Amino acid sequence: MIWDLFCRVIDNYGDIGVTWRLARQLACEHGIAVRLWVDDLAAFQRLEPGIDPRAPRQTLAGVDIRHWQEPLPEVTPGEVVIEALACDTPADFVTRMAAMTPPPLWINLEYLSAEDWVAGVHGLPSPHPRLPLTKYFFMPGYDRHTGGLTREAGLIFARDAWQAAADAQRAFWSRFHAGTDDDALRVSLFCYDNAALPGLLRTWAGGERRIEVVAPRGQPTLAIARALGLAEAPPAGQVLTRGALRMALPEMLALDDYDRLLWTCDVNFVRGEDSFTRAQFAARPMVWQAYPQTEGAHFVKLEAFLQRYGLACSDAAAAAANAELWRAWNREGDVAGIWSRFLAAHATLAHHARDWAAYLAAQPDLATNLLNFHRERLKSQIF
């Protein structure tokens, strides 16, 4: 059995991060022969150093990785074809799918959202207007009425073991911050360009508590440098110190190291989808920046998640402080005073983050749900 996964890299990291984790899990845990088609191997390499960006075909972690260039090679489509995060399957590949008997199970794996309509759309068919094919919507989500979230079988065990190993965390952190301060607040910062960022950095620098930040290089690196008084971005790996703030700017981390970063930090600023999902499983307080969309559609997604996440919190004041910071961060407003209220609620939010991660871990994961969906269609032979 072969599954074809297609991924177009849109914002460099989120799309390929989600897709690679899924492909790797299907191959390693479920024994699926996965063919992963990726259009930007250079971006892929930043998250997975084992990738050769010049190779049209390579194998890693049991996955057959192909450079997505059209026209595609003359390969027979697999039994399942997944267009990850709403990218379009190439037209010539769709034609080949239509010529097969039975045709492949065709899945549109959509973006993650906590909105109420997601459960109603999950699993719905969408017949092709011309060809004898049906595409099915598969909606990641937060309960059993959706497609779930990517979660490897050993993820929670690995996280708990790591968070119980203070020496391992200290050694890992020292990769970024030599002479680290064990009493400092550890923060990861992964965001889009954000007008609120300079104010946040000034708040951290002027505060009483030492804050050590790891901000993998990306869109806001130049803005960070300028906010800290530099004319241009410093070389990768440099640590900048301003008042109570120490900020490391390493190159982008491999996905497994990024998980360890999230597990090590006291607060995680994340963005988009992949880092947001992994921060939830990290069981640490977090601040999410939704992917900016036209007409403010991302604010609807933000509020939908805050509603779900806040209702699960036993402390209304802590949930309100969390929501206030998230809203200000996403609307790129003044976060100075809000940060202090968020930090005051940190201990409560840490308990809530662990409870939320446990709730998510009790749900079926995305790969398992995809396999079950395939088995159901096989029984009915309706694709």
Protein backbone atom coordinates (compact mmCIF):
# COMPACT_ATOMS: atom_id res chain seq x y z
CA MET A 1 0.00 0.00 0.00
CA ILE A 2 1.33 3.43 -1.03
CA TRP A 3 0.09 6.79 0.19
CA ASP A 4 0.92 9.98 -1.75
CA LEU A 5 1.19 13.22 0.26
CA PHE A 6 1.51 16.55 -1.56
CA CYS A 7 2.84 19.66 0.19
CA ARG A 8 3.41 23.17 -1.13
CA VAL A 9 5.56 25.25 1.22
CA ILE A 10 3.63 28.48 1.80
CA ASP A 11 5.20 30.24 4.79
CA ASN A 12 8.42 28.16 4.88
CA TYR A 13 7.75 26.08 7.96
CA GLY A 14 4.20 25.35 9.07
CA ASP A 15 3.00 23.44 6.02
CA ILE A 16 6.04 21.22 5.66
CA GLY A 17 6.32 20.79 9.43
CA VAL A 18 2.80 19.38 9.71
CA THR A 19 3.17 17.24 6.59
CA TRP A 20 6.60 15.82 7.45
CA ARG A 21 5.53 14.84 10.95
CA LEU A 22 2.49 13.05 9.50
CA ALA A 23 4.45 11.32 6.73
CA ARG A 24 7.13 10.17 9.17
CA GLN A 25 4.56 8.82 11.61
CA LEU A 26 2.63 6.93 8.93
CA ALA A 27 5.85 5.28 7.75
CA CYS A 28 7.52 4.59 11.09
CA GLU A 29 4.55 3.67 13.27
CA HIS A 30 2.07 2.20 10.79
CA GLY A 31 4.30 0.70 8.11
CA ILE A 32 2.75 2.73 5.28
CA ALA A 33 4.82 3.23 2.14
CA VAL A 34 4.63 7.02 1.95
CA ARG A 35 5.58 9.07 -1.10
CA LEU A 36 5.97 12.70 -0.02
CA TRP A 37 5.96 15.34 -2.78
CA VAL A 38 7.45 18.68 -1.67
CA ASP A 39 7.95 21.74 -3.89
CA ASP A 40 10.58 23.52 -1.73
CA LEU A 41 13.30 21.18 -0.49
CA ALA A 42 15.50 24.05 0.72
CA ALA A 43 12.85 25.11 3.25
CA PHE A 44 12.35 21.46 4.16
CA GLN A 45 16.07 21.11 4.91
CA ARG A 46 15.91 23.87 7.54
CA LEU A 47 13.54 21.71 9.57
CA GLU A 48 15.09 18.36 8.66
CA PRO A 49 18.89 18.62 8.13
CA GLY A 50 19.01 15.15 6.56
CA ILE A 51 17.30 16.49 3.43
CA ASP A 52 19.41 17.04 0.31
CA PRO A 53 17.76 20.03 -1.43
CA ARG A 54 19.35 19.07 -4.77
CA ALA A 55 18.07 15.48 -4.89
CA PRO A 56 14.95 14.83 -6.98
CA ARG A 57 14.35 11.67 -4.94
CA GLN A 58 15.62 10.52 -1.56
CA THR A 59 14.56 8.36 1.39
CA LEU A 60 14.54 9.51 4.99
CA ALA A 61 12.85 7.96 8.04
CA GLY A 62 11.28 5.39 5.74
CA VAL A 63 9.61 8.06 3.57
CA ASP A 64 10.14 8.26 -0.20
CA ILE A 65 10.66 12.01 -0.68
CA ARG A 66 10.17 13.48 -4.16
CA HIS A 67 10.85 16.99 -5.40
CA TRP A 68 7.46 18.20 -6.63
CA GLN A 69 8.14 19.51 -10.12
CA GLU A 70 5.62 19.42 -12.93
CA PRO A 71 5.08 17.43 -14.95
CA LEU A 72 5.40 14.68 -12.39
CA PRO A 73 7.19 11.42 -13.23
CA GLU A 74 5.01 8.68 -14.69
CA VAL A 75 4.15 6.99 -11.41
CA THR A 76 0.93 5.20 -10.53
CA PRO A 77 -0.96 7.00 -7.76
CA GLY A 78 -1.12 5.26 -4.41
CA GLU A 79 -4.22 3.90 -2.72
CA VAL A 80 -4.55 7.15 -0.75
CA VAL A 81 -3.75 10.63 -2.05
CA ILE A 82 -3.59 13.50 0.45
CA GLU A 83 -3.26 17.14 -0.49
CA ALA A 84 -1.86 18.61 2.71
CA LEU A 85 -3.20 21.93 3.97
CA ALA A 86 -5.43 22.50 0.98
CA CYS A 87 -2.80 22.45 -1.77
CA ASP A 88 -4.07 21.22 -5.16
CA THR A 89 -3.11 17.78 -6.48
CA PRO A 90 -1.44 18.18 -9.92
CA ALA A 91 -3.93 17.87 -12.77
CA ASP A 92 -2.06 15.09 -14.58
CA PHE A 93 -1.90 13.07 -11.36
CA VAL A 94 -5.66 13.53 -10.88
CA THR A 95 -6.22 12.22 -14.42
CA ARG A 96 -4.22 9.10 -13.56
CA MET A 97 -6.26 8.68 -10.38
CA ALA A 98 -9.49 8.76 -12.36
CA ALA A 99 -8.25 5.98 -14.65
CA MET A 100 -7.73 3.56 -11.74
CA THR A 101 -10.25 0.93 -10.57
CA PRO A 102 -10.96 1.46 -7.79
CA PRO A 103 -9.72 5.04 -7.67
CA PRO A 104 -7.57 6.20 -4.76
CA LEU A 105 -9.08 7.63 -1.63
CA TRP A 106 -8.58 11.37 -2.19
CA ILE A 107 -8.30 13.55 0.91
CA ASN A 108 -8.07 17.30 1.35
CA LEU A 109 -6.28 17.69 4.69
CA GLU A 110 -7.34 21.15 5.78
CA TYR A 111 -5.85 23.69 8.17
CA LEU A 112 -6.44 23.39 11.90
CA SER A 113 -9.23 25.42 13.46
CA ALA A 114 -11.26 25.33 16.68
CA GLU A 115 -14.32 26.86 14.98
CA ASP A 116 -17.68 25.13 15.52
CA TRP A 117 -18.28 24.41 11.83
CA VAL A 118 -15.21 22.15 11.57
CA ALA A 119 -16.93 19.05 12.98
CA GLY A 120 -19.80 19.44 10.51
CA VAL A 121 -17.48 19.56 7.49
CA HIS A 122 -15.13 16.78 8.61
CA GLY A 123 -15.46 13.75 6.34
CA LEU A 124 -17.83 15.36 3.83
CA PRO A 125 -17.47 14.32 0.18
CA SER A 126 -16.82 16.71 -2.70
CA PRO A 127 -17.42 15.06 -6.11
CA HIS A 128 -15.15 16.12 -8.95
CA PRO A 129 -17.12 18.20 -11.51
CA ARG A 130 -15.92 16.12 -14.49
CA LEU A 131 -14.10 12.97 -13.40
CA PRO A 132 -15.37 9.90 -11.50
CA LEU A 133 -13.57 10.96 -8.34
CA THR A 134 -14.63 12.19 -4.91
CA LYS A 135 -12.47 14.26 -2.60
CA TYR A 136 -13.09 14.14 1.16
CA PHE A 137 -12.55 16.99 3.60
CA PHE A 138 -10.44 15.95 6.57
CA MET A 139 -10.41 18.51 9.34
CA PRO A 140 -7.81 18.47 12.13
CA GLY A 141 -9.33 19.51 15.43
CA TYR A 142 -9.68 19.22 19.17
CA ASP A 143 -12.27 16.52 19.78
CA ARG A 144 -13.46 13.13 18.54
CA HIS A 145 -15.76 14.68 15.95
CA THR A 146 -12.75 15.94 13.97
CA GLY A 147 -9.56 14.47 12.50
CA GLY A 148 -7.46 15.12 15.61
CA LEU A 149 -3.87 16.37 15.83
CA THR A 150 -0.51 14.92 14.82
CA ARG A 151 0.82 13.11 17.87
CA GLU A 152 3.43 10.38 17.66
CA ALA A 153 2.96 7.33 19.89
CA GLY A 154 5.87 8.18 22.18
CA LEU A 155 5.47 11.95 22.27
CA ILE A 156 3.97 12.34 25.75
CA PHE A 157 6.39 9.85 27.31
CA ALA A 158 9.37 11.61 25.69
CA ARG A 159 8.13 15.01 26.85
CA ASP A 160 7.62 13.89 30.44
CA ALA A 161 11.02 12.19 30.59
CA TRP A 162 12.67 15.34 29.24
CA GLN A 163 10.89 17.68 31.62
CA ALA A 164 11.94 15.49 34.55
CA ALA A 165 15.62 15.61 33.48
CA ALA A 166 16.95 18.95 34.74
CA ASP A 167 20.54 18.18 33.69
CA ALA A 168 19.49 17.37 30.12
CA GLN A 169 17.50 20.60 29.92
CA ARG A 170 20.40 22.61 31.29
CA ALA A 171 22.82 21.09 28.77
CA PHE A 172 20.38 21.73 25.94
CA TRP A 173 19.80 25.33 27.00
CA SER A 174 23.54 25.98 27.24
CA ARG A 175 23.74 25.40 23.48
CA PHE A 176 22.06 28.79 23.15
CA HIS A 177 22.91 30.58 26.41
CA ALA A 178 26.39 29.97 27.83
CA GLY A 179 26.51 30.62 31.56
CA THR A 180 22.76 30.23 31.81
CA ASP A 181 20.87 31.51 34.85
CA ASP A 182 18.74 28.73 36.37
CA ASP A 183 16.42 31.31 37.93
CA ALA A 184 15.74 33.05 34.63
CA LEU A 185 12.41 32.74 32.83
CA ARG A 186 13.04 30.68 29.70
CA VAL A 187 11.12 31.81 26.64
CA SER A 188 11.00 30.61 23.04
CA LEU A 189 9.99 33.21 20.46
CA PHE A 190 8.75 32.10 17.04
CA CYS A 191 6.48 34.63 15.36
CA TYR A 192 5.65 36.52 12.20
CA ASP A 193 6.61 40.17 11.81
CA ASN A 194 4.71 41.91 14.59
CA ALA A 195 4.55 45.60 15.45
CA ALA A 196 4.12 44.66 19.13
CA LEU A 197 7.53 42.98 19.24
CA PRO A 198 9.71 46.03 20.07
CA GLY A 199 7.48 46.92 23.00
CA LEU A 200 7.59 43.37 24.31
CA LEU A 201 11.38 43.32 24.13
CA ARG A 202 11.60 46.65 25.97
CA THR A 203 9.30 45.27 28.67
CA TRP A 204 11.48 42.20 29.08
CA ALA A 205 14.69 44.25 29.12
CA GLY A 206 13.32 46.66 31.71
CA GLY A 207 11.82 44.07 34.02
CA GLU A 208 13.13 42.82 37.34
CA ARG A 209 13.31 39.14 36.43
CA ARG A 210 16.03 37.82 34.14
CA ILE A 211 14.52 36.52 30.89
CA GLU A 212 16.47 34.26 28.54
CA VAL A 213 14.98 33.96 25.05
CA VAL A 214 15.69 31.66 22.12
CA ALA A 215 14.36 33.14 18.87
CA PRO A 216 15.14 30.93 15.84
CA ARG A 217 16.02 33.11 12.88
CA GLY A 218 13.18 33.99 10.54
CA GLN A 219 10.89 36.83 9.50
CA PRO A 220 11.26 39.04 12.62
CA THR A 221 15.03 38.66 13.12
CA LEU A 222 15.85 42.06 11.63
CA ALA A 223 13.09 43.72 13.67
CA ILE A 224 14.48 42.11 16.82
CA ALA A 225 17.96 43.40 16.04
CA ARG A 226 16.72 46.94 15.39
CA ALA A 227 14.61 46.92 18.54
CA LEU A 228 17.77 46.08 20.47
CA GLY A 229 19.73 48.91 18.83
CA LEU A 230 21.46 47.14 15.91
CA ALA A 231 21.35 48.32 12.31
CA GLU A 232 21.30 44.80 10.89
CA ALA A 233 20.72 41.24 12.00
CA PRO A 234 23.72 39.75 13.82
CA PRO A 235 25.32 36.44 12.78
CA ALA A 236 23.43 33.29 13.73
CA GLY A 237 24.16 32.09 17.23
CA GLN A 238 24.95 35.49 18.70
CA VAL A 239 23.48 36.36 22.10
CA LEU A 240 22.22 39.92 22.61
CA THR A 241 21.92 41.35 26.11
CA ARG A 242 19.83 44.36 27.08
CA GLY A 243 19.03 44.92 30.75
CA ALA A 244 17.28 41.82 32.12
CA LEU A 245 16.96 40.34 28.64
CA ARG A 246 19.36 37.86 27.04
CA MET A 247 18.31 36.80 23.56
CA ALA A 248 19.88 34.03 21.45
CA LEU A 249 19.24 34.02 17.69
CA PRO A 250 20.18 30.54 16.42
CA GLU A 251 19.46 29.12 13.01
CA MET A 252 16.15 27.33 12.60
CA LEU A 253 16.05 24.17 14.69
CA ALA A 254 15.35 20.68 13.41
CA LEU A 255 11.84 19.58 14.35
CA ASP A 256 12.89 17.20 17.12
CA ASP A 257 15.15 19.85 18.68
CA TYR A 258 12.33 22.36 18.40
CA ASP A 259 10.13 20.02 20.44
CA ARG A 260 12.85 19.93 23.10
CA LEU A 261 12.99 23.72 23.07
CA LEU A 262 9.26 23.91 23.71
CA TRP A 263 9.51 21.34 26.50
CA THR A 264 12.37 23.26 28.13
CA CYS A 265 10.84 26.75 28.12
CA ASP A 266 8.54 28.33 30.68
CA VAL A 267 6.63 30.27 28.00
CA ASN A 268 6.42 29.55 24.27
CA PHE A 269 5.51 32.17 21.67
CA VAL A 270 4.40 30.24 18.60
CA ARG A 271 2.80 30.91 15.26
CA GLY A 272 0.77 29.31 12.48
CA GLU A 273 -0.09 25.65 12.90
CA ASP A 274 2.82 23.28 13.46
CA SER A 275 4.56 25.15 16.28
CA PHE A 276 1.15 25.95 17.80
CA THR A 277 0.16 22.29 17.89
CA ARG A 278 3.49 21.21 19.35
CA ALA A 279 3.32 23.94 22.00
CA GLN A 280 -0.01 22.54 23.16
CA PHE A 281 1.55 19.11 23.65
CA ALA A 282 4.53 20.74 25.41
CA ALA A 283 2.25 21.44 28.39
CA ARG A 284 3.67 24.93 28.96
CA PRO A 285 1.98 28.36 28.90
CA MET A 286 2.01 29.69 25.35
CA VAL A 287 1.15 32.73 23.24
CA TRP A 288 -0.10 32.04 19.72
CA GLN A 289 0.11 34.35 16.72
CA ALA A 290 -2.40 33.17 14.13
CA TYR A 291 -1.38 33.28 10.46
CA PRO A 292 -2.56 36.74 9.28
CA GLN A 293 -5.43 36.53 6.78
CA THR A 294 -7.33 39.08 4.75
CA GLU A 295 -10.39 40.72 6.31
CA GLY A 296 -9.29 39.57 9.75
CA ALA A 297 -10.34 35.93 9.32
CA HIS A 298 -7.53 34.88 11.64
CA PHE A 299 -9.13 36.78 14.52
CA VAL A 300 -12.15 34.49 14.22
CA LYS A 301 -9.83 31.47 14.54
CA LEU A 302 -8.11 33.09 17.50
CA GLU A 303 -11.36 33.70 19.36
CA ALA A 304 -12.63 30.19 18.61
CA PHE A 305 -9.56 28.66 20.22
CA LEU A 306 -9.55 31.08 23.15
CA GLN A 307 -13.16 30.18 23.85
CA ARG A 308 -12.40 26.46 23.88
CA TYR A 309 -9.11 26.82 25.77
CA GLY A 310 -10.49 29.29 28.29
CA LEU A 311 -13.53 27.20 29.14
CA ALA A 312 -11.21 24.35 30.07
CA CYS A 313 -9.34 26.55 32.57
CA SER A 314 -10.52 26.37 36.18
CA ASP A 315 -9.32 29.92 36.97
CA ALA A 316 -11.30 32.60 35.13
CA ALA A 317 -8.83 35.38 36.02
CA ALA A 318 -5.88 33.42 34.63
CA ALA A 319 -7.83 32.58 31.47
CA ALA A 320 -8.67 36.28 31.07
CA ALA A 321 -5.02 37.32 31.46
CA ASN A 322 -4.01 34.73 28.88
CA ALA A 323 -6.67 35.86 26.42
CA GLU A 324 -5.80 39.54 26.91
CA LEU A 325 -2.16 38.93 25.95
CA TRP A 326 -3.07 36.75 22.96
CA ARG A 327 -5.46 39.37 21.61
CA ALA A 328 -2.98 42.22 22.03
CA TRP A 329 -0.20 40.18 20.42
CA ASN A 330 -2.35 39.27 17.41
CA ARG A 331 -3.65 42.81 17.00
CA GLU A 332 -0.06 44.05 17.34
CA GLY A 333 -0.95 46.43 20.17
CA ASP A 334 0.72 47.47 23.41
CA VAL A 335 1.57 44.37 25.46
CA ALA A 336 3.70 46.01 28.20
CA GLY A 337 1.19 46.07 31.04
CA ILE A 338 -0.54 42.92 29.87
CA TRP A 339 2.67 40.90 30.10
CA SER A 340 2.91 41.51 33.85
CA ARG A 341 -0.63 40.18 34.37
CA PHE A 342 0.13 37.13 32.24
CA LEU A 343 3.32 36.48 34.21
CA ALA A 344 1.46 36.80 37.52
CA ALA A 345 -0.89 34.03 36.34
CA HIS A 346 1.97 31.85 35.06
CA ALA A 347 1.76 29.14 37.73
CA THR A 348 -1.97 28.69 37.19
CA LEU A 349 -1.57 28.74 33.42
CA ALA A 350 1.15 26.09 33.70
CA HIS A 351 -1.28 23.75 35.49
CA HIS A 352 -3.91 24.47 32.87
CA ALA A 353 -1.47 23.83 30.01
CA ARG A 354 -0.70 20.38 31.42
CA ASP A 355 -4.40 19.57 31.83
CA TRP A 356 -5.07 20.71 28.26
CA ALA A 357 -2.24 18.58 26.88
CA ALA A 358 -3.61 15.56 28.77
CA TYR A 359 -7.06 16.18 27.28
CA LEU A 360 -5.58 16.31 23.77
CA ALA A 361 -3.51 13.17 24.38
CA ALA A 362 -6.72 11.27 25.21
CA GLN A 363 -8.08 11.94 21.70
CA PRO A 364 -7.26 9.75 18.67
CA ASP A 365 -4.37 11.27 16.71
CA LEU A 366 -4.46 12.45 13.10
CA ALA A 367 -2.61 9.47 11.59
CA THR A 368 -4.85 6.97 13.37
CA ASN A 369 -7.96 8.82 12.24
CA LEU A 370 -6.74 8.83 8.64
CA LEU A 371 -6.12 5.08 8.76
CA ASN A 372 -9.57 4.46 10.25
CA PHE A 373 -11.17 6.66 7.60
CA HIS A 374 -9.41 4.64 4.90
CA ARG A 375 -10.59 1.34 6.42
CA GLU A 376 -14.18 2.60 6.51
CA ARG A 377 -14.05 3.56 2.84
CA LEU A 378 -12.51 0.18 1.97
CA LYS A 379 -15.44 -1.59 3.62
CA SER A 380 -17.91 0.34 1.52
CA GLN A 381 -15.60 0.62 -1.54
CA ILE A 382 -16.91 4.14 -2.04
CA PHE A 383 -14.15 6.54 -2.99
